Amino acid sequence: MSDETARVTKLEEMLAHQARTIEELSDQLAEQWKVVEQTRAKLDRLTERFLSLEEQSLEAPAITKPPHY
């Protein structure tokens, strides 16, 4: 095998390895994006729940003196 053929073979191997690595990273990124979206949806639900509870607490009757005072 000539030096040039060995060099091309080495470059092809490197390219194949990099392509596989890029594909793996892309898959991991897609999975992480799903986790981010799920977390965002949970945060939105919790925010709505918190605001609802906050509104309910504001509607509580005012504290007044008992009639016997």
C-alpha atoms as a PDB file:
ATOM      1  CA  MET A   1       0.000   0.000   0.000  1.00  0.00           C
ATOM      2  CA  SER A   2       1.409   3.369  -0.985  1.00  0.00           C
ATOM      3  CA  ASP A   3       1.711   6.275   1.404  1.00  0.00           C
ATOM      4  CA  GLU A   4      -1.009   8.133  -0.449  1.00  0.00           C
ATOM      5  CA  THR A   5      -3.432   5.186  -0.259  1.00  0.00           C
ATOM      6  CA  ALA A   6      -2.727   4.778   3.462  1.00  0.00           C
ATOM      7  CA  ARG A   7      -3.296   8.486   3.969  1.00  0.00           C
ATOM      8  CA  VAL A   8      -6.643   8.401   2.139  1.00  0.00           C
ATOM      9  CA  THR A   9      -7.694   5.307   4.091  1.00  0.00           C
ATOM     10  CA  LYS A  10      -6.818   7.024   7.362  1.00  0.00           C
ATOM     11  CA  LEU A  11      -8.806  10.123   6.353  1.00  0.00           C
ATOM     12  CA  GLU A  12     -11.814   7.971   5.409  1.00  0.00           C
ATOM     13  CA  GLU A  13     -11.663   6.206   8.777  1.00  0.00           C
ATOM     14  CA  MET A  14     -11.462   9.546  10.559  1.00  0.00           C
ATOM     15  CA  LEU A  15     -14.413  10.872   8.574  1.00  0.00           C
ATOM     16  CA  ALA A  16     -16.498   7.786   9.383  1.00  0.00           C
ATOM     17  CA  HIS A  17     -15.675   8.150  13.087  1.00  0.00           C
ATOM     18  CA  GLN A  18     -16.600  11.849  13.050  1.00  0.00           C
ATOM     19  CA  ALA A  19     -19.863  11.149  11.214  1.00  0.00           C
ATOM     20  CA  ARG A  20     -20.795   8.550  13.849  1.00  0.00           C
ATOM     21  CA  THR A  21     -19.923  10.971  16.654  1.00  0.00           C
ATOM     22  CA  ILE A  22     -22.029  13.720  15.074  1.00  0.00           C
ATOM     23  CA  GLU A  23     -24.979  11.325  14.760  1.00  0.00           C
ATOM     24  CA  GLU A  24     -24.659  10.299  18.428  1.00  0.00           C
ATOM     25  CA  LEU A  25     -24.493  13.945  19.521  1.00  0.00           C
ATOM     26  CA  SER A  26     -27.521  14.759  17.408  1.00  0.00           C
ATOM     27  CA  ASP A  27     -29.487  11.945  19.055  1.00  0.00           C
ATOM     28  CA  GLN A  28     -28.457  13.145  22.515  1.00  0.00           C
ATOM     29  CA  LEU A  29     -29.422  16.706  21.663  1.00  0.00           C
ATOM     30  CA  ALA A  30     -32.848  15.574  20.469  1.00  0.00           C
ATOM     31  CA  GLU A  31     -33.371  13.632  23.716  1.00  0.00           C
ATOM     32  CA  GLN A  32     -32.307  16.610  25.827  1.00  0.00           C
ATOM     33  CA  TRP A  33     -34.681  18.854  23.890  1.00  0.00           C
ATOM     34  CA  LYS A  34     -37.554  16.513  24.838  1.00  0.00           C
ATOM     35  CA  VAL A  35     -36.529  16.798  28.494  1.00  0.00           C
ATOM     36  CA  VAL A  36     -36.409  20.602  28.231  1.00  0.00           C
ATOM     37  CA  GLU A  37     -39.884  20.694  26.687  1.00  0.00           C
ATOM     38  CA  GLN A  38     -41.283  18.408  29.399  1.00  0.00           C
ATOM     39  CA  THR A  39     -39.694  20.563  32.093  1.00  0.00           C
ATOM     40  CA  ARG A  40     -41.083  23.713  30.500  1.00  0.00           C
ATOM     41  CA  ALA A  41     -44.581  22.197  30.415  1.00  0.00           C
ATOM     42  CA  LYS A  42     -44.325  21.216  34.096  1.00  0.00           C
ATOM     43  CA  LEU A  43     -43.156  24.714  34.991  1.00  0.00           C
ATOM     44  CA  ASP A  44     -46.103  26.225  33.122  1.00  0.00           C
ATOM     45  CA  ARG A  45     -48.544  23.950  34.975  1.00  0.00           C
ATOM     46  CA  LEU A  46     -46.960  24.750  38.333  1.00  0.00           C
ATOM     47  CA  THR A  47     -47.046  28.476  37.574  1.00  0.00           C
ATOM     48  CA  GLU A  48     -50.749  28.289  36.741  1.00  0.00           C
ATOM     49  CA  ARG A  49     -51.418  26.308  39.906  1.00  0.00           C
ATOM     50  CA  PHE A  50     -49.450  28.776  42.029  1.00  0.00           C
ATOM     51  CA  LEU A  51     -51.303  31.755  40.553  1.00  0.00           C
ATOM     52  CA  SER A  52     -54.630  30.012  41.150  1.00  0.00           C
ATOM     53  CA  LEU A  53     -53.759  29.342  44.780  1.00  0.00           C
ATOM     54  CA  GLU A  54     -52.554  32.901  45.187  1.00  0.00           C
ATOM     55  CA  GLU A  55     -55.868  34.233  43.871  1.00  0.00           C
ATOM     56  CA  GLN A  56     -57.779  32.005  46.272  1.00  0.00           C
ATOM     57  CA  SER A  57     -55.786  33.278  49.221  1.00  0.00           C
ATOM     58  CA  LEU A  58     -56.538  36.879  48.254  1.00  0.00           C
ATOM     59  CA  GLU A  59     -60.271  36.154  48.289  1.00  0.00           C
ATOM     60  CA  ALA A  60     -60.205  35.089  51.947  1.00  0.00           C
ATOM     61  CA  PRO A  61     -62.561  37.084  54.173  1.00  0.00           C
ATOM     62  CA  ALA A  62     -61.044  39.883  56.174  1.00  0.00           C
ATOM     63  CA  ILE A  63     -60.307  39.199  59.825  1.00  0.00           C
ATOM     64  CA  THR A  64     -62.694  41.169  62.025  1.00  0.00           C
ATOM     65  CA  LYS A  65     -63.200  41.423  65.737  1.00  0.00           C
ATOM     66  CA  PRO A  66     -65.530  38.829  67.187  1.00  0.00           C
ATOM     67  CA  PRO A  67     -68.967  40.230  68.129  1.00  0.00           C
ATOM     68  CA  HIS A  68     -68.331  39.880  71.883  1.00  0.00           C
ATOM     69  CA  TYR A  69     -65.583  42.533  71.900  1.00  0.00           C
END
